[in-house]
Amino acid sequence: MTLRAKVEQLPTGTRGKPWSAQLNPTPRQALIVTPTPIAGVLLIEPQVFSDERGFFQETWKADAFAAVGIPGPFVQDNHSRSLRGVLRGLHFQSPRAQGKLLRVSRGTVFDVVVDIRRDSPGFGTWFGTELSGDNHKMLWSPPGMAHGFLTLSDEADFLYKCTDVQAPSDERVIRWNDPDLAIAWPVRDVGRPRLSARDAAAPSLAEALGAR
């Protein structure tokens, strides 16, 4: 699934006005939200205001996100930087599952979530999309998902908000190329993925959940 980010051009004649006065010329929908094939996983296009100086966007506003089904609260923000070909994942926590609001501020990644909720009709299915600093898209991954991404640009800065804190004793990992998941990673674009030792030795989905 590929969507083009909405980049709003400021109305003509606004130069010289305070930045805040330029941002709301007329009421507009702040977020465009598209459901994905996995229940609860949402693809989000924030409203972006752009002109010759750059752009402005809101990356979190509690009432706006709550209105589209992402209420938080968030208790931890994380920021990672990865080089081209780095693949991180598939990660999850249990029993302290985390909901994650995911975005990329610079560069491009192929972002993947896998439904690992045993009672879900979509158990074992995955969804992937490109997140980038250019398309401004976000992905909401509710608790009960495993998550990973592959860096497609020379570098990528990945940011995400979490509904629970990182708990090392609850951290789990699933093999990125588990044949039962058959995730269509775009590895042809980057060559052999660069993995951490832990991710390279990860068990399959069945093994990861069967051991619990």
N, C-alpha and C. Protein backbone atom coordinates (compact mmCIF):
# COMPACT_ATOMS: atom_id res chain seq x y z
N MET A 1 0.85 -1.19 0.00
CA MET A 1 0.00 0.00 0.00
C MET A 1 0.89 1.24 0.00
N THR A 2 0.65 2.14 -0.96
CA THR A 2 1.45 3.35 -1.04
C THR A 2 0.54 4.54 -1.10
N LEU A 3 0.75 5.50 -0.23
CA LEU A 3 -0.04 6.72 -0.23
C LEU A 3 0.90 7.90 -0.34
N ARG A 4 0.43 8.96 -1.01
CA ARG A 4 1.23 10.16 -1.12
C ARG A 4 0.87 11.09 0.02
N ALA A 5 1.88 11.60 0.71
CA ALA A 5 1.62 12.50 1.84
C ALA A 5 1.00 13.79 1.35
N LYS A 6 0.10 14.32 2.13
CA LYS A 6 -0.51 15.61 1.81
C LYS A 6 0.41 16.72 2.29
N VAL A 7 0.94 17.49 1.35
CA VAL A 7 1.80 18.61 1.68
C VAL A 7 1.06 19.87 1.26
N GLU A 8 0.65 20.62 2.26
CA GLU A 8 -0.18 21.78 2.00
C GLU A 8 0.69 23.00 1.71
N GLN A 9 0.42 23.69 0.57
CA GLN A 9 1.08 24.95 0.28
C GLN A 9 0.36 26.07 1.01
N LEU A 10 1.11 26.96 1.62
CA LEU A 10 0.49 28.07 2.32
C LEU A 10 -0.17 29.00 1.32
N PRO A 11 -1.27 29.66 1.71
CA PRO A 11 -1.94 30.58 0.80
C PRO A 11 -1.02 31.73 0.41
N THR A 12 -1.24 32.25 -0.81
CA THR A 12 -0.43 33.39 -1.25
C THR A 12 -0.74 34.59 -0.38
N GLY A 13 0.24 35.48 -0.26
CA GLY A 13 0.04 36.69 0.52
C GLY A 13 0.28 36.54 1.99
N THR A 14 0.84 35.39 2.42
CA THR A 14 1.05 35.19 3.85
C THR A 14 2.46 35.55 4.28
N ARG A 15 3.33 35.89 3.36
CA ARG A 15 4.70 36.20 3.74
C ARG A 15 4.72 37.42 4.66
N GLY A 16 5.58 37.32 5.67
CA GLY A 16 5.70 38.42 6.62
C GLY A 16 4.81 38.29 7.82
N LYS A 17 3.80 37.39 7.76
CA LYS A 17 2.94 37.17 8.91
C LYS A 17 3.63 36.22 9.88
N PRO A 18 3.27 36.27 11.16
CA PRO A 18 3.81 35.29 12.10
C PRO A 18 3.51 33.88 11.62
N TRP A 19 4.47 32.96 11.88
CA TRP A 19 4.29 31.57 11.43
C TRP A 19 2.97 30.98 11.92
N SER A 20 2.61 31.26 13.18
CA SER A 20 1.37 30.69 13.72
C SER A 20 0.16 31.21 12.97
N ALA A 21 0.22 32.42 12.46
CA ALA A 21 -0.93 32.98 11.74
C ALA A 21 -1.08 32.34 10.37
N GLN A 22 -0.01 31.73 9.85
CA GLN A 22 -0.06 31.13 8.52
C GLN A 22 -0.61 29.71 8.55
N LEU A 23 -0.65 29.09 9.73
CA LEU A 23 -0.90 27.66 9.78
C LEU A 23 -2.36 27.28 9.68
N ASN A 24 -3.26 28.16 10.01
CA ASN A 24 -4.68 27.80 10.04
C ASN A 24 -5.51 28.80 9.24
N PRO A 25 -5.31 28.87 7.92
CA PRO A 25 -6.12 29.79 7.14
C PRO A 25 -7.59 29.40 7.11
N THR A 26 -7.86 28.08 7.10
CA THR A 26 -9.23 27.55 7.15
C THR A 26 -9.19 26.25 7.92
N PRO A 27 -10.29 25.84 8.57
CA PRO A 27 -10.31 24.56 9.27
C PRO A 27 -10.06 23.42 8.29
N ARG A 28 -9.18 22.50 8.63
CA ARG A 28 -8.87 21.36 7.78
C ARG A 28 -8.75 20.12 8.66
N GLN A 29 -8.93 18.97 8.03
CA GLN A 29 -8.74 17.71 8.74
C GLN A 29 -7.26 17.58 9.07
N ALA A 30 -6.94 17.41 10.36
CA ALA A 30 -5.54 17.37 10.78
C ALA A 30 -4.86 16.07 10.40
N LEU A 31 -5.61 14.97 10.36
CA LEU A 31 -5.04 13.65 10.09
C LEU A 31 -5.90 12.91 9.10
N ILE A 32 -5.28 12.26 8.14
CA ILE A 32 -5.96 11.33 7.25
C ILE A 32 -5.53 9.94 7.68
N VAL A 33 -6.48 9.11 8.07
CA VAL A 33 -6.19 7.80 8.63
C VAL A 33 -6.76 6.72 7.72
N THR A 34 -5.92 5.75 7.36
CA THR A 34 -6.32 4.66 6.49
C THR A 34 -6.16 3.34 7.24
N PRO A 35 -7.24 2.59 7.42
CA PRO A 35 -7.09 1.27 8.04
C PRO A 35 -6.25 0.36 7.15
N THR A 36 -5.55 -0.57 7.75
CA THR A 36 -4.76 -1.55 7.02
C THR A 36 -5.46 -2.91 7.12
N PRO A 37 -4.96 -3.92 6.43
CA PRO A 37 -5.58 -5.25 6.55
C PRO A 37 -5.52 -5.86 7.94
N ILE A 38 -4.65 -5.33 8.82
CA ILE A 38 -4.57 -5.84 10.19
C ILE A 38 -5.41 -4.95 11.10
N ALA A 39 -6.35 -5.53 11.80
CA ALA A 39 -7.24 -4.77 12.66
C ALA A 39 -6.46 -3.95 13.69
N GLY A 40 -6.75 -2.66 13.74
CA GLY A 40 -6.13 -1.79 14.71
C GLY A 40 -4.88 -1.09 14.23
N VAL A 41 -4.25 -1.60 13.17
CA VAL A 41 -3.05 -0.97 12.61
C VAL A 41 -3.50 0.11 11.63
N LEU A 42 -3.01 1.33 11.84
CA LEU A 42 -3.49 2.48 11.07
C LEU A 42 -2.33 3.19 10.39
N LEU A 43 -2.55 3.57 9.14
CA LEU A 43 -1.61 4.39 8.40
C LEU A 43 -2.10 5.83 8.47
N ILE A 44 -1.23 6.74 8.86
CA ILE A 44 -1.62 8.11 9.19
C ILE A 44 -0.87 9.10 8.30
N GLU A 45 -1.61 10.03 7.71
CA GLU A 45 -1.02 11.13 6.96
C GLU A 45 -1.32 12.43 7.70
N PRO A 46 -0.34 13.02 8.36
CA PRO A 46 -0.59 14.30 9.02
C PRO A 46 -0.64 15.43 8.02
N GLN A 47 -1.29 16.51 8.40
CA GLN A 47 -1.30 17.69 7.57
C GLN A 47 0.07 18.37 7.66
N VAL A 48 0.66 18.65 6.52
CA VAL A 48 1.99 19.25 6.45
C VAL A 48 1.88 20.59 5.73
N PHE A 49 2.44 21.63 6.33
CA PHE A 49 2.44 22.96 5.75
C PHE A 49 3.84 23.25 5.22
N SER A 50 3.93 23.55 3.94
CA SER A 50 5.23 23.71 3.31
C SER A 50 5.30 25.01 2.53
N ASP A 51 6.44 25.66 2.57
CA ASP A 51 6.72 26.78 1.68
C ASP A 51 8.21 26.79 1.37
N GLU A 52 8.71 27.88 0.78
CA GLU A 52 10.10 27.90 0.34
C GLU A 52 11.10 27.81 1.50
N ARG A 53 10.63 28.05 2.73
CA ARG A 53 11.52 27.98 3.90
C ARG A 53 11.66 26.59 4.46
N GLY A 54 10.70 25.73 4.19
CA GLY A 54 10.70 24.39 4.77
C GLY A 54 9.28 23.93 5.02
N PHE A 55 9.05 23.26 6.15
CA PHE A 55 7.71 22.76 6.45
C PHE A 55 7.47 22.77 7.94
N PHE A 56 6.18 22.61 8.29
CA PHE A 56 5.75 22.46 9.68
C PHE A 56 4.69 21.37 9.71
N GLN A 57 4.76 20.50 10.74
CA GLN A 57 3.71 19.52 10.97
C GLN A 57 3.62 19.22 12.45
N GLU A 58 2.46 18.80 12.88
CA GLU A 58 2.27 18.32 14.24
C GLU A 58 2.52 16.81 14.25
N THR A 59 3.43 16.36 15.10
CA THR A 59 3.73 14.93 15.17
C THR A 59 2.96 14.23 16.29
N TRP A 60 2.42 15.00 17.21
CA TRP A 60 1.55 14.44 18.25
C TRP A 60 0.68 15.54 18.81
N LYS A 61 -0.61 15.28 18.85
CA LYS A 61 -1.58 16.17 19.49
C LYS A 61 -2.63 15.27 20.09
N ALA A 62 -2.73 15.24 21.41
CA ALA A 62 -3.50 14.21 22.11
C ALA A 62 -4.94 14.13 21.64
N ASP A 63 -5.63 15.27 21.53
CA ASP A 63 -7.04 15.20 21.18
C ASP A 63 -7.26 14.77 19.74
N ALA A 64 -6.39 15.20 18.82
CA ALA A 64 -6.53 14.83 17.41
C ALA A 64 -6.29 13.33 17.22
N PHE A 65 -5.27 12.79 17.87
CA PHE A 65 -4.99 11.36 17.71
C PHE A 65 -6.02 10.51 18.45
N ALA A 66 -6.49 10.98 19.60
CA ALA A 66 -7.53 10.24 20.32
C ALA A 66 -8.79 10.13 19.47
N ALA A 67 -9.09 11.17 18.70
CA ALA A 67 -10.29 11.19 17.86
C ALA A 67 -10.25 10.14 16.76
N VAL A 68 -9.06 9.68 16.39
CA VAL A 68 -8.95 8.66 15.34
C VAL A 68 -8.57 7.30 15.92
N GLY A 69 -8.65 7.17 17.26
CA GLY A 69 -8.46 5.87 17.88
C GLY A 69 -7.08 5.60 18.41
N ILE A 70 -6.28 6.65 18.63
CA ILE A 70 -4.93 6.48 19.19
C ILE A 70 -4.84 7.36 20.44
N PRO A 71 -5.32 6.88 21.56
CA PRO A 71 -5.42 7.74 22.73
C PRO A 71 -4.16 7.86 23.56
N GLY A 72 -3.18 6.96 23.37
CA GLY A 72 -2.06 6.93 24.32
C GLY A 72 -2.57 6.30 25.62
N PRO A 73 -2.02 6.71 26.78
CA PRO A 73 -0.91 7.66 26.92
C PRO A 73 0.41 7.01 26.53
N PHE A 74 1.35 7.87 26.10
CA PHE A 74 2.68 7.41 25.77
C PHE A 74 3.63 7.75 26.91
N VAL A 75 4.51 6.82 27.23
CA VAL A 75 5.37 6.99 28.40
C VAL A 75 6.86 6.97 28.05
N GLN A 76 7.19 6.68 26.79
CA GLN A 76 8.60 6.66 26.39
C GLN A 76 8.69 6.99 24.91
N ASP A 77 9.66 7.87 24.57
CA ASP A 77 9.97 8.20 23.17
C ASP A 77 11.36 7.65 22.85
N ASN A 78 11.49 7.02 21.67
CA ASN A 78 12.77 6.45 21.24
C ASN A 78 13.19 7.00 19.88
N HIS A 79 14.49 7.05 19.66
CA HIS A 79 15.06 7.56 18.41
C HIS A 79 16.24 6.67 18.05
N SER A 80 16.19 6.04 16.87
CA SER A 80 17.32 5.24 16.41
C SER A 80 17.80 5.76 15.07
N ARG A 81 19.08 5.56 14.80
CA ARG A 81 19.65 5.89 13.49
C ARG A 81 20.25 4.62 12.92
N SER A 82 19.95 4.35 11.65
CA SER A 82 20.41 3.12 11.02
C SER A 82 20.98 3.42 9.64
N LEU A 83 21.99 2.65 9.26
CA LEU A 83 22.61 2.78 7.95
C LEU A 83 21.89 1.91 6.93
N ARG A 84 22.16 2.17 5.68
CA ARG A 84 21.54 1.44 4.58
C ARG A 84 21.74 -0.07 4.77
N GLY A 85 20.67 -0.81 4.60
CA GLY A 85 20.72 -2.26 4.71
C GLY A 85 20.54 -2.80 6.10
N VAL A 86 20.52 -1.94 7.11
CA VAL A 86 20.29 -2.41 8.48
C VAL A 86 18.84 -2.85 8.62
N LEU A 87 18.65 -4.04 9.15
CA LEU A 87 17.31 -4.56 9.43
C LEU A 87 17.21 -4.79 10.93
N ARG A 88 16.25 -4.15 11.55
CA ARG A 88 16.00 -4.32 12.98
C ARG A 88 14.66 -5.03 13.16
N GLY A 89 14.66 -6.13 13.89
CA GLY A 89 13.41 -6.83 14.12
C GLY A 89 13.52 -8.32 13.82
N LEU A 90 12.41 -8.92 14.06
CA LEU A 90 11.08 -8.41 14.47
C LEU A 90 11.01 -8.43 15.99
N HIS A 91 10.71 -7.29 16.60
CA HIS A 91 10.78 -7.14 18.05
C HIS A 91 9.38 -6.99 18.64
N PHE A 92 9.23 -7.49 19.86
CA PHE A 92 8.01 -7.26 20.64
C PHE A 92 8.34 -7.47 22.11
N GLN A 93 7.43 -7.03 22.96
CA GLN A 93 7.53 -7.28 24.40
C GLN A 93 6.34 -8.09 24.86
N SER A 94 6.59 -8.97 25.81
CA SER A 94 5.52 -9.75 26.44
C SER A 94 6.00 -10.20 27.82
N PRO A 95 5.16 -10.04 28.84
CA PRO A 95 3.75 -9.63 28.78
C PRO A 95 3.52 -8.11 28.69
N ARG A 96 4.54 -7.29 28.85
CA ARG A 96 4.35 -5.84 28.81
C ARG A 96 4.37 -5.37 27.36
N ALA A 97 3.28 -5.66 26.65
CA ALA A 97 3.20 -5.30 25.24
C ALA A 97 3.17 -3.78 25.08
N GLN A 98 3.74 -3.31 23.98
CA GLN A 98 3.80 -1.88 23.70
C GLN A 98 3.01 -1.53 22.46
N GLY A 99 2.21 -0.46 22.55
CA GLY A 99 1.71 0.20 21.36
C GLY A 99 2.76 1.20 20.91
N LYS A 100 2.92 1.38 19.59
CA LYS A 100 3.96 2.25 19.07
C LYS A 100 3.41 3.14 17.96
N LEU A 101 3.70 4.42 18.06
CA LEU A 101 3.40 5.37 16.99
C LEU A 101 4.71 5.66 16.28
N LEU A 102 4.83 5.21 15.03
CA LEU A 102 6.09 5.10 14.32
C LEU A 102 6.20 6.13 13.21
N ARG A 103 7.38 6.72 13.05
CA ARG A 103 7.61 7.63 11.94
C ARG A 103 9.11 7.73 11.68
N VAL A 104 9.44 8.29 10.51
CA VAL A 104 10.83 8.53 10.13
C VAL A 104 11.00 10.01 9.87
N SER A 105 12.00 10.63 10.48
CA SER A 105 12.22 12.06 10.29
C SER A 105 13.24 12.34 9.19
N ARG A 106 14.08 11.36 8.85
CA ARG A 106 15.08 11.54 7.81
C ARG A 106 15.39 10.19 7.19
N GLY A 107 15.43 10.13 5.87
CA GLY A 107 15.70 8.88 5.19
C GLY A 107 14.43 8.09 4.92
N THR A 108 14.61 6.81 4.57
CA THR A 108 13.49 5.95 4.17
C THR A 108 13.69 4.55 4.73
N VAL A 109 12.61 3.97 5.25
CA VAL A 109 12.64 2.58 5.69
C VAL A 109 11.41 1.85 5.14
N PHE A 110 11.54 0.54 5.04
CA PHE A 110 10.38 -0.32 4.82
C PHE A 110 9.98 -0.84 6.19
N ASP A 111 8.81 -0.43 6.66
CA ASP A 111 8.38 -0.71 8.02
C ASP A 111 7.35 -1.84 8.02
N VAL A 112 7.48 -2.76 8.96
CA VAL A 112 6.65 -3.97 8.99
C VAL A 112 6.10 -4.20 10.38
N VAL A 113 4.81 -4.55 10.45
CA VAL A 113 4.22 -5.05 11.68
C VAL A 113 3.60 -6.41 11.41
N VAL A 114 3.67 -7.28 12.41
CA VAL A 114 3.12 -8.63 12.32
C VAL A 114 2.14 -8.82 13.46
N ASP A 115 0.96 -9.31 13.15
CA ASP A 115 -0.06 -9.55 14.16
C ASP A 115 0.28 -10.85 14.90
N ILE A 116 0.61 -10.73 16.20
CA ILE A 116 0.93 -11.92 17.00
C ILE A 116 -0.09 -12.11 18.13
N ARG A 117 -1.28 -11.51 17.97
CA ARG A 117 -2.36 -11.72 18.93
C ARG A 117 -3.02 -13.06 18.64
N ARG A 118 -2.90 -13.98 19.56
CA ARG A 118 -3.39 -15.33 19.31
C ARG A 118 -4.89 -15.38 19.02
N ASP A 119 -5.65 -14.44 19.60
CA ASP A 119 -7.10 -14.46 19.41
C ASP A 119 -7.53 -13.61 18.21
N SER A 120 -6.59 -13.14 17.42
CA SER A 120 -6.91 -12.27 16.29
C SER A 120 -7.15 -13.10 15.03
N PRO A 121 -8.17 -12.74 14.23
CA PRO A 121 -8.36 -13.42 12.93
C PRO A 121 -7.16 -13.24 12.00
N GLY A 122 -6.38 -12.18 12.24
CA GLY A 122 -5.21 -11.92 11.41
C GLY A 122 -3.91 -12.45 11.98
N PHE A 123 -4.00 -13.34 12.95
CA PHE A 123 -2.78 -13.86 13.58
C PHE A 123 -1.80 -14.37 12.52
N GLY A 124 -0.54 -13.91 12.61
CA GLY A 124 0.49 -14.36 11.69
C GLY A 124 0.56 -13.61 10.38
N THR A 125 -0.31 -12.61 10.19
CA THR A 125 -0.25 -11.81 8.97
C THR A 125 0.58 -10.55 9.21
N TRP A 126 1.08 -9.98 8.12
CA TRP A 126 1.95 -8.81 8.22
C TRP A 126 1.46 -7.70 7.31
N PHE A 127 1.90 -6.48 7.65
CA PHE A 127 1.65 -5.32 6.80
C PHE A 127 2.94 -4.52 6.72
N GLY A 128 3.28 -4.05 5.52
CA GLY A 128 4.49 -3.27 5.35
C GLY A 128 4.23 -2.04 4.49
N THR A 129 4.95 -0.98 4.78
CA THR A 129 4.85 0.26 4.01
C THR A 129 6.13 1.06 4.17
N GLU A 130 6.38 1.96 3.23
CA GLU A 130 7.52 2.85 3.36
C GLU A 130 7.17 4.04 4.24
N LEU A 131 8.01 4.32 5.20
CA LEU A 131 7.96 5.54 5.99
C LEU A 131 9.21 6.34 5.66
N SER A 132 9.05 7.65 5.48
CA SER A 132 10.21 8.45 5.11
C SER A 132 10.06 9.88 5.61
N GLY A 133 11.19 10.58 5.63
CA GLY A 133 11.16 11.99 5.97
C GLY A 133 10.47 12.82 4.93
N ASP A 134 10.34 12.29 3.71
CA ASP A 134 9.67 13.02 2.63
C ASP A 134 8.17 12.80 2.61
N ASN A 135 7.71 11.56 2.89
CA ASN A 135 6.26 11.33 2.81
C ASN A 135 5.54 11.62 4.12
N HIS A 136 6.28 11.78 5.23
CA HIS A 136 5.73 12.22 6.52
C HIS A 136 4.72 11.24 7.11
N LYS A 137 4.56 10.06 6.53
CA LYS A 137 3.57 9.13 7.04
C LYS A 137 3.97 8.58 8.41
N MET A 138 2.95 8.18 9.17
CA MET A 138 3.14 7.50 10.44
C MET A 138 2.38 6.18 10.41
N LEU A 139 2.79 5.26 11.27
CA LEU A 139 2.09 3.99 11.41
C LEU A 139 1.80 3.76 12.88
N TRP A 140 0.55 3.45 13.19
CA TRP A 140 0.17 3.09 14.55
C TRP A 140 0.15 1.57 14.66
N SER A 141 0.99 1.05 15.55
CA SER A 141 1.09 -0.38 15.82
C SER A 141 0.58 -0.62 17.22
N PRO A 142 -0.63 -1.16 17.38
CA PRO A 142 -1.19 -1.34 18.73
C PRO A 142 -0.48 -2.47 19.47
N PRO A 143 -0.69 -2.56 20.77
CA PRO A 143 -0.12 -3.70 21.51
C PRO A 143 -0.53 -5.03 20.89
N GLY A 144 0.40 -5.97 20.87
CA GLY A 144 0.11 -7.26 20.27
C GLY A 144 0.71 -7.44 18.90
N MET A 145 1.62 -6.54 18.51
CA MET A 145 2.30 -6.63 17.22
C MET A 145 3.80 -6.85 17.45
N ALA A 146 4.43 -7.54 16.52
CA ALA A 146 5.88 -7.53 16.39
C ALA A 146 6.22 -6.51 15.32
N HIS A 147 7.37 -5.87 15.47
CA HIS A 147 7.71 -4.76 14.59
C HIS A 147 9.16 -4.87 14.12
N GLY A 148 9.38 -4.43 12.89
CA GLY A 148 10.74 -4.36 12.37
C GLY A 148 10.79 -3.43 11.18
N PHE A 149 12.01 -3.05 10.79
CA PHE A 149 12.15 -2.22 9.59
C PHE A 149 13.49 -2.47 8.92
N LEU A 150 13.52 -2.19 7.61
CA LEU A 150 14.72 -2.28 6.79
C LEU A 150 15.05 -0.90 6.26
N THR A 151 16.29 -0.44 6.45
CA THR A 151 16.69 0.89 6.01
C THR A 151 17.03 0.87 4.53
N LEU A 152 16.34 1.73 3.76
CA LEU A 152 16.51 1.77 2.31
C LEU A 152 17.40 2.93 1.86
N SER A 153 17.56 3.95 2.68
CA SER A 153 18.39 5.11 2.35
C SER A 153 19.78 4.95 2.98
N ASP A 154 20.67 5.86 2.67
CA ASP A 154 22.02 5.78 3.23
C ASP A 154 22.00 5.81 4.75
N GLU A 155 21.13 6.62 5.32
CA GLU A 155 20.88 6.67 6.76
C GLU A 155 19.39 6.94 6.96
N ALA A 156 18.88 6.55 8.11
CA ALA A 156 17.49 6.86 8.45
C ALA A 156 17.38 7.08 9.95
N ASP A 157 16.66 8.13 10.31
CA ASP A 157 16.34 8.41 11.71
C ASP A 157 14.90 7.98 11.96
N PHE A 158 14.76 7.02 12.87
CA PHE A 158 13.46 6.39 13.15
C PHE A 158 13.03 6.81 14.55
N LEU A 159 11.82 7.35 14.67
CA LEU A 159 11.31 7.83 15.95
C LEU A 159 9.99 7.14 16.26
N TYR A 160 9.80 6.79 17.54
CA TYR A 160 8.52 6.19 17.90
C TYR A 160 8.19 6.44 19.37
N LYS A 161 6.89 6.59 19.58
CA LYS A 161 6.33 6.78 20.90
C LYS A 161 5.78 5.44 21.38
N CYS A 162 5.96 5.13 22.66
CA CYS A 162 5.56 3.83 23.20
C CYS A 162 4.56 4.00 24.35
N THR A 163 3.63 3.06 24.43
CA THR A 163 2.62 3.10 25.49
C THR A 163 3.10 2.43 26.77
N ASP A 164 4.25 1.75 26.73
CA ASP A 164 4.85 1.19 27.94
C ASP A 164 6.36 1.33 27.80
N VAL A 165 7.05 1.29 28.91
CA VAL A 165 8.50 1.48 28.89
C VAL A 165 9.19 0.23 28.38
N GLN A 166 10.42 0.41 27.92
CA GLN A 166 11.23 -0.72 27.53
C GLN A 166 11.54 -1.56 28.76
N ALA A 167 11.27 -2.85 28.65
CA ALA A 167 11.47 -3.79 29.76
C ALA A 167 12.36 -4.92 29.26
N PRO A 168 13.66 -4.87 29.52
CA PRO A 168 14.58 -5.87 28.96
C PRO A 168 14.17 -7.31 29.24
N SER A 169 13.59 -7.57 30.39
CA SER A 169 13.21 -8.96 30.71
C SER A 169 12.02 -9.44 29.88
N ASP A 170 11.30 -8.50 29.26
CA ASP A 170 10.14 -8.85 28.44
C ASP A 170 10.43 -8.79 26.94
N GLU A 171 11.63 -8.42 26.57
CA GLU A 171 11.95 -8.26 25.14
C GLU A 171 12.02 -9.62 24.45
N ARG A 172 11.40 -9.70 23.28
CA ARG A 172 11.37 -10.91 22.48
C ARG A 172 11.68 -10.54 21.03
N VAL A 173 12.08 -11.54 20.27
CA VAL A 173 12.41 -11.31 18.86
C VAL A 173 11.96 -12.51 18.04
N ILE A 174 11.56 -12.23 16.79
CA ILE A 174 11.12 -13.25 15.84
C ILE A 174 12.00 -13.12 14.60
N ARG A 175 12.34 -14.23 13.99
CA ARG A 175 13.20 -14.25 12.82
C ARG A 175 12.61 -13.40 11.69
N TRP A 176 13.42 -12.52 11.15
CA TRP A 176 12.94 -11.58 10.13
C TRP A 176 12.48 -12.29 8.86
N ASN A 177 13.09 -13.45 8.55
CA ASN A 177 12.75 -14.16 7.32
C ASN A 177 12.08 -15.50 7.60
N ASP A 178 11.30 -15.54 8.65
CA ASP A 178 10.51 -16.74 8.98
C ASP A 178 9.68 -17.13 7.76
N PRO A 179 9.86 -18.33 7.20
CA PRO A 179 9.10 -18.71 5.99
C PRO A 179 7.60 -18.77 6.21
N ASP A 180 7.16 -18.98 7.44
CA ASP A 180 5.73 -19.01 7.70
C ASP A 180 5.12 -17.61 7.59
N LEU A 181 5.92 -16.58 7.83
CA LEU A 181 5.43 -15.21 7.67
C LEU A 181 5.58 -14.74 6.23
N ALA A 182 6.65 -15.13 5.58
CA ALA A 182 6.90 -14.80 4.16
C ALA A 182 6.78 -13.29 3.90
N ILE A 183 7.46 -12.50 4.71
CA ILE A 183 7.45 -11.05 4.53
C ILE A 183 8.24 -10.68 3.28
N ALA A 184 7.67 -9.84 2.46
CA ALA A 184 8.31 -9.45 1.19
C ALA A 184 9.23 -8.25 1.43
N TRP A 185 10.29 -8.46 2.18
CA TRP A 185 11.27 -7.40 2.40
C TRP A 185 11.91 -7.00 1.07
N PRO A 186 12.09 -5.72 0.80
CA PRO A 186 12.72 -5.28 -0.45
C PRO A 186 14.25 -5.37 -0.38
N VAL A 187 14.77 -6.55 -0.06
CA VAL A 187 16.21 -6.71 0.12
C VAL A 187 16.97 -6.55 -1.18
N ARG A 188 16.30 -6.72 -2.31
CA ARG A 188 16.98 -6.53 -3.60
C ARG A 188 17.50 -5.11 -3.74
N ASP A 189 16.91 -4.17 -3.01
CA ASP A 189 17.32 -2.77 -3.10
C ASP A 189 18.56 -2.46 -2.27
N VAL A 190 18.90 -3.33 -1.33
CA VAL A 190 19.99 -3.02 -0.39
C VAL A 190 21.01 -4.14 -0.26
N GLY A 191 20.74 -5.30 -0.83
CA GLY A 191 21.64 -6.43 -0.64
C GLY A 191 21.33 -7.18 0.64
N ARG A 192 22.28 -7.96 1.10
CA ARG A 192 22.07 -8.78 2.29
C ARG A 192 21.86 -7.88 3.51
N PRO A 193 20.77 -8.09 4.26
CA PRO A 193 20.50 -7.24 5.42
C PRO A 193 21.60 -7.33 6.47
N ARG A 194 21.82 -6.22 7.16
CA ARG A 194 22.78 -6.14 8.26
C ARG A 194 22.00 -6.29 9.56
N LEU A 195 22.29 -7.36 10.31
CA LEU A 195 21.53 -7.73 11.49
C LEU A 195 22.40 -7.69 12.74
N SER A 196 21.77 -7.44 13.88
CA SER A 196 22.45 -7.64 15.16
C SER A 196 22.59 -9.14 15.40
N ALA A 197 23.48 -9.51 16.31
CA ALA A 197 23.67 -10.92 16.63
C ALA A 197 22.37 -11.53 17.16
N ARG A 198 21.65 -10.77 17.96
CA ARG A 198 20.40 -11.29 18.53
C ARG A 198 19.36 -11.51 17.45
N ASP A 199 19.23 -10.55 16.54
CA ASP A 199 18.23 -10.69 15.48
C ASP A 199 18.60 -11.83 14.52
N ALA A 200 19.89 -12.00 14.26
CA ALA A 200 20.32 -13.07 13.36
C ALA A 200 20.03 -14.45 13.93
N ALA A 201 19.99 -14.57 15.26
CA ALA A 201 19.75 -15.87 15.90
C ALA A 201 18.31 -16.04 16.38
N ALA A 202 17.42 -15.18 15.92
CA ALA A 202 16.04 -15.19 16.43
C ALA A 202 15.30 -16.45 16.03
N PRO A 203 14.36 -16.89 16.87
CA PRO A 203 13.53 -18.05 16.54
C PRO A 203 12.39 -17.67 15.59
N SER A 204 11.72 -18.67 15.09
CA SER A 204 10.53 -18.45 14.28
C SER A 204 9.39 -17.95 15.15
N LEU A 205 8.31 -17.51 14.51
CA LEU A 205 7.12 -17.09 15.25
C LEU A 205 6.60 -18.23 16.13
N ALA A 206 6.49 -19.42 15.55
CA ALA A 206 5.97 -20.55 16.32
C ALA A 206 6.86 -20.86 17.51
N GLU A 207 8.17 -20.79 17.31
CA GLU A 207 9.09 -21.06 18.41
C GLU A 207 9.05 -19.96 19.46
N ALA A 208 8.98 -18.71 19.01
CA ALA A 208 8.98 -17.59 19.94
C ALA A 208 7.74 -17.60 20.83
N LEU A 209 6.60 -17.91 20.26
CA LEU A 209 5.37 -17.92 21.05
C LEU A 209 5.15 -19.25 21.75
N GLY A 210 5.67 -20.32 21.18
CA GLY A 210 5.51 -21.63 21.79
C GLY A 210 6.31 -21.79 23.05
N ALA A 211 7.38 -20.98 23.16
CA ALA A 211 8.24 -21.08 24.35
C ALA A 211 7.71 -20.28 25.51
N ARG A 212 6.55 -19.66 25.33
CA ARG A 212 6.04 -18.75 26.36
C ARG A 212 4.98 -19.43 27.20
